[in-house]
Amino acid sequence: MKYAIIIPDGCADWPIEFLGGRTPLQAARTPHLDALAESGIVGRSGNVPAELPPGSDVATLSLLGYDPLRDYTGRAPLEAVAQGIELDERDWAFRCNLVTIESGVMRSFTAGHISTEEANELLESLQAEIAPRFPFPLRFLAGVGYRNLMLFSDVIGTTFDIASRTSPPHDHTNKPVEPALPNGPGAELLLRIMRESREIFADHPVNRRRIEEGKLPASQCWLWGQGKKPNLEPFARRFRKEIGTETLPGGMITAVDLLRGIGKLIGWEQIAVPGITGYVDTDYAAKGRFAAEGLKKHDIVCVHIEAPDEAGHEGNLEKKIAALEEIDVKIVPPIVEALRQSGDWRLLVSPDHPTPVAHKTHTHGHVPWVVAGSDIAPMSRDGLNGPARFDEPTAERSSFRFEPGWQLMPWFLKSRK
């Protein structure tokens, strides 16, 4: 059996008045996804427990079959794993976004989608100028673009704990940042670093160049997503009853460290794809080609596409619809064709969480999914009042639903012959 998972990050949405009450999934031209819906099963799941924040870290763990209430230890540690960083029991990892804050308002949580090369220069300055000011190990590590890390070795053992609170910058676009600042144990340390980063970045050569080019400067770093060393059971071992083996070679295609880290922890090989960016300008066709090729080597391939989520954060309806249409025409067909040529197969397409363009950030709530395959019979059309589509209304009318969402994966994997 060959399996494929396609994650159009954040593509679930709310009805939009401009679209006549339709969602972006309904408005987008997605004939290939809709064909899967007609031949398979559409349903919905709730991937984020009410007591946890609706981030991609929590939601993706759930989508891949891991109970976040048991397995989640924070976002930043997952990204540290992607960079090959070994954490010990004293280490705390933090996301270190480069952001643009003007007059106390979050102008851009990406610092105008700053490049990785520019981010490297800024992180080097933080390491050289801030780290020596503290009597304990402090490391700033460049990632991809605005997404970076800070590692803090808690040699005292009392600086941070479960009551420490931070907030994702993408939750506060065009909003005052004061209510979102760190609080609780360790907050003063984080606030000090963020303040000092403003001073270092104020006249930094990178920002001078960006301003001259008409781009937003990175005004400071923003620390959030803290956590400690994660420990996830390998995917094949976790689902050995469903797949009948503990050896299921897996591959992950993604442009973001979070998914790379999760893939590495659960035993999946990273499939490198040139030209992918984690934004709407990514090379969708390359993802489709490399996924199809990857199915020759791997028994399960997961393709993550960040573009719909980024468009949702920007509140850009046109970009979100365009991303969905690119996924439909350039990623879905080559994967389906490769699966069909492999013999028995199964495909799951599901976002992790909603990122409504009207809200510009992640929300709790159900997401639609579609499952199709060589042994999947079309679901009953009773009560659907029309053809099945891969969209929120079809999912809402379906009797197939998983709450909590992590129960979807074992159902998807289990043989029904």
Protein backbone atom coordinates (compact mmCIF):
# COMPACT_ATOMS: atom_id res chain seq x y z
CA MET A 1 0.00 0.00 0.00
CA LYS A 2 1.21 3.49 -0.90
CA TYR A 3 0.03 6.52 1.06
CA ALA A 4 0.18 10.24 0.37
CA ILE A 5 -0.81 13.20 2.54
CA ILE A 6 -1.27 16.71 1.16
CA ILE A 7 -1.48 19.54 3.72
CA PRO A 8 -2.68 22.87 2.23
CA ASP A 9 -1.81 24.78 5.40
CA GLY A 10 -4.55 27.03 6.76
CA CYS A 11 -6.79 26.69 3.70
CA ALA A 12 -9.99 26.24 5.75
CA ASP A 13 -11.88 29.51 6.06
CA TRP A 14 -15.17 31.27 6.83
CA PRO A 15 -17.92 32.36 4.41
CA ILE A 16 -17.00 35.70 2.82
CA GLU A 17 -19.61 38.29 1.85
CA PHE A 18 -17.56 39.41 -1.17
CA LEU A 19 -17.78 35.83 -2.48
CA GLY A 20 -21.54 35.66 -1.99
CA GLY A 21 -21.22 33.78 1.27
CA ARG A 22 -18.78 31.23 -0.13
CA THR A 23 -15.41 30.26 1.32
CA PRO A 24 -12.15 30.44 -0.67
CA LEU A 25 -12.30 26.65 -1.14
CA GLN A 26 -15.76 27.01 -2.67
CA ALA A 27 -14.70 29.91 -4.88
CA ALA A 28 -11.48 28.35 -6.13
CA ARG A 29 -11.44 26.25 -9.30
CA THR A 30 -10.34 22.87 -7.94
CA PRO A 31 -11.55 20.16 -10.36
CA HIS A 32 -8.96 17.60 -9.27
CA LEU A 33 -9.69 17.95 -5.57
CA ASP A 34 -13.41 17.84 -6.32
CA ALA A 35 -12.93 14.66 -8.36
CA LEU A 36 -11.30 13.09 -5.29
CA ALA A 37 -14.31 14.18 -3.24
CA GLU A 38 -16.70 12.57 -5.73
CA SER A 39 -14.79 9.29 -5.75
CA GLY A 40 -13.96 9.18 -2.06
CA ILE A 41 -15.00 10.44 1.35
CA VAL A 42 -15.24 14.02 2.59
CA GLY A 43 -15.37 14.73 6.31
CA ARG A 44 -14.15 17.09 8.99
CA SER A 45 -11.99 17.03 12.07
CA GLY A 46 -11.05 19.28 14.97
CA ASN A 47 -7.28 19.23 15.22
CA VAL A 48 -6.75 21.70 18.05
CA PRO A 49 -8.05 21.03 21.57
CA ALA A 50 -9.79 24.03 23.13
CA GLU A 51 -7.15 24.33 25.84
CA LEU A 52 -4.24 24.66 23.36
CA PRO A 53 -3.43 27.51 20.94
CA PRO A 54 -4.47 26.93 17.30
CA GLY A 55 -0.98 26.88 15.84
CA SER A 56 0.42 24.70 13.08
CA ASP A 57 2.54 22.88 15.66
CA VAL A 58 -0.44 21.58 17.64
CA ALA A 59 -2.65 21.11 14.57
CA THR A 60 -0.07 19.25 12.48
CA LEU A 61 0.77 16.85 15.28
CA SER A 62 -2.94 16.10 15.56
CA LEU A 63 -3.38 15.73 11.80
CA LEU A 64 -0.53 13.22 11.71
CA GLY A 65 -2.10 11.16 14.47
CA TYR A 66 -0.37 12.41 17.64
CA ASP A 67 -2.43 13.54 20.61
CA PRO A 68 -1.16 17.09 21.28
CA LEU A 69 -2.41 16.99 24.87
CA ARG A 70 0.11 14.22 25.45
CA ASP A 71 2.86 14.79 22.87
CA TYR A 72 3.17 18.58 22.47
CA THR A 73 6.11 20.31 24.21
CA GLY A 74 6.23 23.61 22.30
CA ARG A 75 6.78 24.88 18.77
CA ALA A 76 10.38 26.06 18.83
CA PRO A 77 11.84 22.70 19.92
CA LEU A 78 10.31 21.08 16.84
CA GLU A 79 12.06 23.63 14.64
CA ALA A 80 15.32 23.08 16.51
CA VAL A 81 15.15 19.41 15.55
CA ALA A 82 14.85 20.44 11.88
CA GLN A 83 18.15 22.29 12.19
CA GLY A 84 19.87 19.28 13.72
CA ILE A 85 20.12 20.90 17.14
CA GLU A 86 20.37 18.53 20.08
CA LEU A 87 18.54 19.90 23.12
CA ASP A 88 19.31 18.72 26.62
CA GLU A 89 17.00 18.74 29.62
CA ARG A 90 18.00 22.28 30.64
CA ASP A 91 17.46 23.89 27.25
CA TRP A 92 14.54 26.11 26.30
CA ALA A 93 14.01 26.87 22.62
CA PHE A 94 12.17 29.98 21.40
CA ARG A 95 11.02 31.14 18.00
CA CYS A 96 12.86 34.35 17.17
CA ASN A 97 10.83 36.13 14.50
CA LEU A 98 12.17 39.22 12.79
CA VAL A 99 9.29 41.68 12.78
CA THR A 100 8.41 45.27 11.93
CA ILE A 101 6.77 47.24 14.74
CA GLU A 102 5.84 50.88 14.15
CA SER A 103 4.43 53.14 16.87
CA GLY A 104 3.69 50.11 19.02
CA VAL A 105 1.73 48.33 16.26
CA MET A 106 2.71 45.06 14.54
CA ARG A 107 3.16 46.27 10.97
CA SER A 108 4.61 42.96 9.68
CA PHE A 109 5.26 39.69 11.50
CA THR A 110 7.67 38.75 8.67
CA ALA A 111 9.62 42.05 8.47
CA GLY A 112 8.34 42.39 4.93
CA HIS A 113 9.27 38.76 4.14
CA ILE A 114 12.92 39.43 4.85
CA SER A 115 15.35 37.16 3.02
CA THR A 116 17.31 34.37 4.68
CA GLU A 117 20.59 36.10 3.81
CA GLU A 118 19.48 39.33 5.48
CA ALA A 119 18.17 37.44 8.50
CA ASN A 120 21.55 35.71 8.87
CA GLU A 121 23.30 39.08 9.13
CA LEU A 122 20.87 40.33 11.76
CA LEU A 123 21.09 37.12 13.81
CA GLU A 124 24.88 37.32 13.72
CA SER A 125 24.65 40.79 15.23
CA LEU A 126 22.36 39.55 18.01
CA GLN A 127 24.78 36.74 18.79
CA ALA A 128 27.79 39.05 18.83
CA GLU A 129 26.23 41.87 20.83
CA ILE A 130 23.52 40.40 23.07
CA ALA A 131 24.71 36.91 23.99
CA PRO A 132 27.91 38.10 25.78
CA ARG A 133 25.82 40.28 28.09
CA PHE A 134 24.31 37.28 29.87
CA PRO A 135 25.99 34.91 32.36
CA PHE A 136 24.46 31.80 30.76
CA PRO A 137 24.54 30.24 27.27
CA LEU A 138 22.36 32.10 24.78
CA ARG A 139 22.35 31.24 21.06
CA PHE A 140 20.63 32.89 18.10
CA LEU A 141 20.23 30.53 15.16
CA ALA A 142 19.16 31.55 11.67
CA GLY A 143 16.41 29.54 10.00
CA VAL A 144 14.49 30.47 6.85
CA GLY A 145 13.65 34.13 6.26
CA TYR A 146 11.96 35.68 9.26
CA ARG A 147 11.66 32.31 11.05
CA ASN A 148 14.61 31.89 13.41
CA LEU A 149 15.45 30.45 16.84
CA MET A 150 16.92 31.43 20.18
CA LEU A 151 18.21 28.77 22.56
CA PHE A 152 18.53 29.45 26.27
CA SER A 153 20.31 27.08 28.64
CA ASP A 154 18.46 27.35 31.95
CA VAL A 155 21.43 26.53 34.17
CA ILE A 156 19.61 27.98 37.19
CA GLY A 157 16.56 25.84 36.54
CA THR A 158 13.98 28.37 37.66
CA THR A 159 13.76 30.94 34.83
CA PHE A 160 10.85 29.55 32.78
CA ASP A 161 8.03 27.17 33.57
CA ILE A 162 4.56 26.18 32.46
CA ALA A 163 3.18 29.58 33.53
CA SER A 164 5.48 31.49 31.12
CA ARG A 165 3.37 33.11 28.39
CA THR A 166 4.32 34.35 24.93
CA SER A 167 2.24 35.14 21.86
CA PRO A 168 2.69 34.48 18.12
CA PRO A 169 3.32 37.75 16.26
CA HIS A 170 1.06 36.65 13.40
CA ASP A 171 -1.87 36.88 15.81
CA HIS A 172 -1.38 40.64 16.11
CA THR A 173 -0.99 42.01 12.60
CA ASN A 174 -1.97 45.71 12.56
CA LYS A 175 -2.72 45.54 16.28
CA PRO A 176 -1.00 47.08 19.33
CA VAL A 177 1.70 44.73 20.61
CA GLU A 178 1.57 45.74 24.28
CA PRO A 179 -1.08 43.12 25.22
CA ALA A 180 0.93 40.43 23.41
CA LEU A 181 4.25 40.93 25.19
CA PRO A 182 5.71 38.05 27.24
CA ASN A 183 4.52 37.68 30.80
CA GLY A 184 4.97 35.29 33.69
CA PRO A 185 8.20 33.58 34.78
CA GLY A 186 11.16 34.64 32.62
CA ALA A 187 9.27 37.49 30.93
CA GLU A 188 11.78 40.16 31.96
CA LEU A 189 14.60 38.25 30.31
CA LEU A 190 12.68 38.00 27.04
CA LEU A 191 11.59 41.63 27.15
CA ARG A 192 15.17 42.74 27.73
CA ILE A 193 16.41 40.81 24.69
CA MET A 194 13.60 42.21 22.53
CA ARG A 195 14.38 45.78 23.69
CA GLU A 196 18.09 45.39 23.04
CA SER A 197 17.43 43.95 19.60
CA ARG A 198 15.65 47.21 18.72
CA GLU A 199 18.78 49.16 19.56
CA ILE A 200 21.00 46.84 17.52
CA PHE A 201 18.70 46.84 14.48
CA ALA A 202 17.98 50.58 14.51
CA ASP A 203 20.89 51.54 12.24
CA HIS A 204 21.92 48.11 11.01
CA PRO A 205 23.31 47.95 7.45
CA VAL A 206 20.64 45.39 6.49
CA ASN A 207 17.87 47.77 7.49
CA ARG A 208 19.53 50.74 5.84
CA ARG A 209 19.62 48.80 2.58
CA ARG A 210 16.02 47.66 2.93
CA ILE A 211 14.76 51.17 3.59
CA GLU A 212 16.70 52.49 0.57
CA GLU A 213 15.02 49.81 -1.54
CA GLY A 214 11.57 50.77 -0.25
CA LYS A 215 11.22 47.64 1.90
CA LEU A 216 10.15 47.29 5.52
CA PRO A 217 13.02 47.10 8.01
CA ALA A 218 13.30 44.43 10.69
CA SER A 219 12.79 46.65 13.71
CA GLN A 220 13.40 43.95 16.35
CA CYS A 221 13.19 40.28 17.20
CA TRP A 222 10.05 38.77 18.74
CA LEU A 223 10.40 35.78 21.08
CA TRP A 224 7.63 33.20 21.41
CA GLY A 225 6.71 29.51 21.06
CA GLN A 226 8.96 28.33 23.88
CA GLY A 227 9.32 24.68 24.75
CA LYS A 228 11.58 21.86 25.82
CA LYS A 229 12.96 18.75 24.20
CA PRO A 230 10.25 16.78 22.32
CA ASN A 231 9.96 13.00 22.15
CA LEU A 232 7.67 11.59 19.46
CA GLU A 233 7.22 7.90 18.72
CA PRO A 234 8.23 6.99 15.15
CA PHE A 235 5.24 7.00 12.80
CA ALA A 236 5.58 3.39 11.63
CA ARG A 237 5.87 2.09 15.19
CA ARG A 238 2.95 4.16 16.39
CA PHE A 239 0.67 2.83 13.66
CA ARG A 240 2.04 -0.69 13.32
CA LYS A 241 -1.40 -2.20 14.01
CA GLU A 242 -3.00 -0.16 11.23
CA ILE A 243 -0.31 -0.72 8.60
CA GLY A 244 0.81 -4.20 9.67
CA THR A 245 4.51 -3.35 9.90
CA GLU A 246 6.99 -1.20 11.81
CA THR A 247 8.87 -0.32 8.62
CA LEU A 248 7.04 2.26 6.50
CA PRO A 249 9.60 4.44 4.69
CA GLY A 250 8.32 8.02 4.75
CA GLY A 251 9.25 11.30 3.09
CA MET A 252 8.39 14.91 3.95
CA ILE A 253 8.28 17.81 1.49
CA THR A 254 8.04 21.25 3.10
CA ALA A 255 9.69 24.65 3.09
CA VAL A 256 9.29 25.33 6.81
CA ASP A 257 11.36 24.09 9.71
CA LEU A 258 8.35 23.17 11.84
CA LEU A 259 7.26 20.42 9.44
CA ARG A 260 10.85 19.39 8.83
CA GLY A 261 11.30 18.92 12.57
CA ILE A 262 8.12 16.91 12.98
CA GLY A 263 9.04 14.75 9.99
CA LYS A 264 12.48 14.06 11.39
CA LEU A 265 11.13 13.18 14.83
CA ILE A 266 8.65 10.65 13.44
CA GLY A 267 11.25 9.00 11.21
CA TRP A 268 10.53 10.52 7.80
CA GLU A 269 13.28 11.53 5.40
CA GLN A 270 13.40 15.12 4.23
CA ILE A 271 12.86 15.31 0.46
CA ALA A 272 14.70 18.42 -0.70
CA VAL A 273 12.94 20.36 -3.44
CA PRO A 274 14.64 23.33 -5.13
CA GLY A 275 12.58 26.48 -5.61
CA ILE A 276 10.19 26.08 -2.68
CA THR A 277 9.83 29.14 -0.45
CA GLY A 278 7.07 28.71 2.12
CA TYR A 279 5.18 31.54 0.42
CA VAL A 280 2.81 32.07 -2.51
CA ASP A 281 5.75 32.26 -4.92
CA THR A 282 6.79 28.68 -4.18
CA ASP A 283 7.37 26.20 -7.00
CA TYR A 284 4.16 24.17 -6.78
CA ALA A 285 4.99 22.05 -9.81
CA ALA A 286 8.32 21.02 -8.30
CA LYS A 287 6.54 19.84 -5.18
CA GLY A 288 4.22 17.72 -7.29
CA ARG A 289 7.06 16.22 -9.32
CA PHE A 290 9.26 15.43 -6.34
CA ALA A 291 6.35 13.91 -4.43
CA ALA A 292 5.50 11.63 -7.37
CA GLU A 293 9.14 10.61 -7.66
CA GLY A 294 9.38 10.14 -3.89
CA LEU A 295 6.60 7.55 -3.97
CA LYS A 296 8.95 5.23 -5.86
CA LYS A 297 11.21 5.10 -2.79
CA HIS A 298 8.85 5.81 0.09
CA ASP A 299 5.62 4.09 1.08
CA ILE A 300 4.21 7.33 2.51
CA VAL A 301 4.92 10.87 1.29
CA CYS A 302 3.65 14.04 2.94
CA VAL A 303 3.54 17.32 1.01
CA HIS A 304 3.04 20.50 3.03
CA ILE A 305 2.19 23.80 1.31
CA GLU A 306 2.46 26.95 3.42
CA ALA A 307 1.08 29.37 0.81
CA PRO A 308 -2.65 29.35 1.76
CA ASP A 309 -1.73 30.06 5.38
CA GLU A 310 0.53 32.98 4.46
CA ALA A 311 -2.20 34.46 2.27
CA GLY A 312 -4.67 34.09 5.14
CA HIS A 313 -2.31 35.92 7.49
CA GLU A 314 -2.08 38.75 4.98
CA GLY A 315 -5.86 38.87 4.65
CA ASN A 316 -5.35 38.44 0.92
CA LEU A 317 -8.29 36.59 -0.60
CA GLU A 318 -6.93 36.64 -4.15
CA LYS A 319 -3.63 35.07 -3.13
CA LYS A 320 -5.39 32.39 -1.09
CA ILE A 321 -7.65 31.37 -3.96
CA ALA A 322 -4.70 31.43 -6.37
CA ALA A 323 -2.67 29.18 -4.05
CA LEU A 324 -5.52 26.66 -3.84
CA GLU A 325 -5.83 26.57 -7.62
CA GLU A 326 -2.07 26.07 -8.01
CA ILE A 327 -2.17 23.17 -5.55
CA ASP A 328 -5.08 21.62 -7.45
CA VAL A 329 -3.50 21.77 -10.89
CA LYS A 330 0.21 21.28 -10.10
CA ILE A 331 0.44 19.11 -6.98
CA VAL A 332 -2.62 16.88 -6.86
CA PRO A 333 -2.55 15.32 -10.40
CA PRO A 334 1.06 14.03 -10.40
CA ILE A 335 0.61 12.55 -6.93
CA VAL A 336 -2.65 10.83 -7.86
CA GLU A 337 -1.10 9.45 -11.07
CA ALA A 338 1.93 8.11 -9.19
CA LEU A 339 -0.32 6.48 -6.60
CA ARG A 340 -2.48 4.83 -9.23
CA GLN A 341 0.57 3.39 -10.94
CA SER A 342 1.81 1.92 -7.66
CA GLY A 343 -1.06 -0.51 -7.07
CA ASP A 344 -3.03 -0.22 -3.84
CA TRP A 345 -3.07 3.37 -2.63
CA ARG A 346 -4.71 5.91 -0.35
CA LEU A 347 -4.59 9.72 -0.30
CA LEU A 348 -5.53 12.22 2.41
CA VAL A 349 -5.87 15.95 1.71
CA SER A 350 -6.43 18.11 4.77
CA PRO A 351 -5.42 21.48 6.17
CA ASP A 352 -4.16 21.61 9.72
CA HIS A 353 -6.31 24.51 11.00
CA PRO A 354 -8.38 27.40 9.58
CA THR A 355 -6.64 30.70 8.78
CA PRO A 356 -9.57 32.95 7.79
CA VAL A 357 -8.63 35.94 5.63
CA ALA A 358 -11.05 38.07 7.64
CA HIS A 359 -9.28 37.16 10.89
CA LYS A 360 -5.68 37.08 9.56
CA THR A 361 -4.60 34.37 11.98
CA HIS A 362 -5.24 30.78 13.01
CA THR A 363 -8.48 29.83 14.71
CA HIS A 364 -9.92 26.84 16.47
CA GLY A 365 -12.56 24.98 14.52
CA HIS A 366 -13.12 22.07 12.18
CA VAL A 367 -11.28 21.60 8.90
CA PRO A 368 -12.51 19.68 5.83
CA TRP A 369 -10.62 16.67 4.54
CA VAL A 370 -10.94 14.23 1.67
CA VAL A 371 -9.78 10.61 1.56
CA ALA A 372 -9.62 8.66 -1.70
CA GLY A 373 -7.94 5.44 -2.75
CA SER A 374 -8.04 2.13 -4.54
CA ASP A 375 -10.09 0.57 -1.74
CA ILE A 376 -12.19 3.62 -0.78
CA ALA A 377 -15.81 3.55 -1.91
CA PRO A 378 -17.61 6.87 -2.51
CA MET A 379 -19.57 7.99 0.50
CA SER A 380 -23.33 8.01 0.36
CA ARG A 381 -24.75 11.12 -1.30
CA ASP A 382 -27.85 11.02 0.89
CA GLY A 383 -28.54 14.49 2.21
CA LEU A 384 -25.70 16.22 0.36
CA ASN A 385 -28.11 18.03 -1.99
CA GLY A 386 -25.65 18.08 -4.86
CA PRO A 387 -22.20 16.84 -5.81
CA ALA A 388 -19.51 16.37 -3.22
CA ARG A 389 -16.70 18.94 -3.25
CA PHE A 390 -13.60 19.45 -1.20
CA ASP A 391 -14.96 22.35 0.82
CA GLU A 392 -16.37 23.27 4.20
CA PRO A 393 -20.10 22.90 3.43
CA THR A 394 -19.66 19.35 2.08
CA ALA A 395 -17.63 18.47 5.16
CA GLU A 396 -20.27 19.94 7.46
CA ARG A 397 -22.98 17.79 5.85
CA SER A 398 -20.91 14.62 6.04
CA SER A 399 -21.37 12.02 8.75
CA PHE A 400 -17.60 11.41 8.77
CA ARG A 401 -16.05 13.49 11.53
CA PHE A 402 -13.26 13.11 14.06
CA GLU A 403 -13.17 14.88 17.40
CA PRO A 404 -10.40 14.83 18.53
CA GLY A 405 -8.72 15.15 15.16
CA TRP A 406 -5.78 12.86 15.90
CA GLN A 407 -8.15 9.91 15.52
CA LEU A 408 -8.40 10.56 11.75
CA MET A 409 -4.93 9.19 10.96
CA PRO A 410 -5.38 5.63 12.28
CA TRP A 411 -8.73 5.48 10.44
CA PHE A 412 -7.06 6.68 7.24
CA LEU A 413 -4.25 4.13 7.47
CA LYS A 414 -6.23 1.08 8.48
CA SER A 415 -6.98 -1.39 5.71
CA ARG A 416 -10.65 -1.70 4.84
CA LYS A 417 -10.40 -4.53 2.28
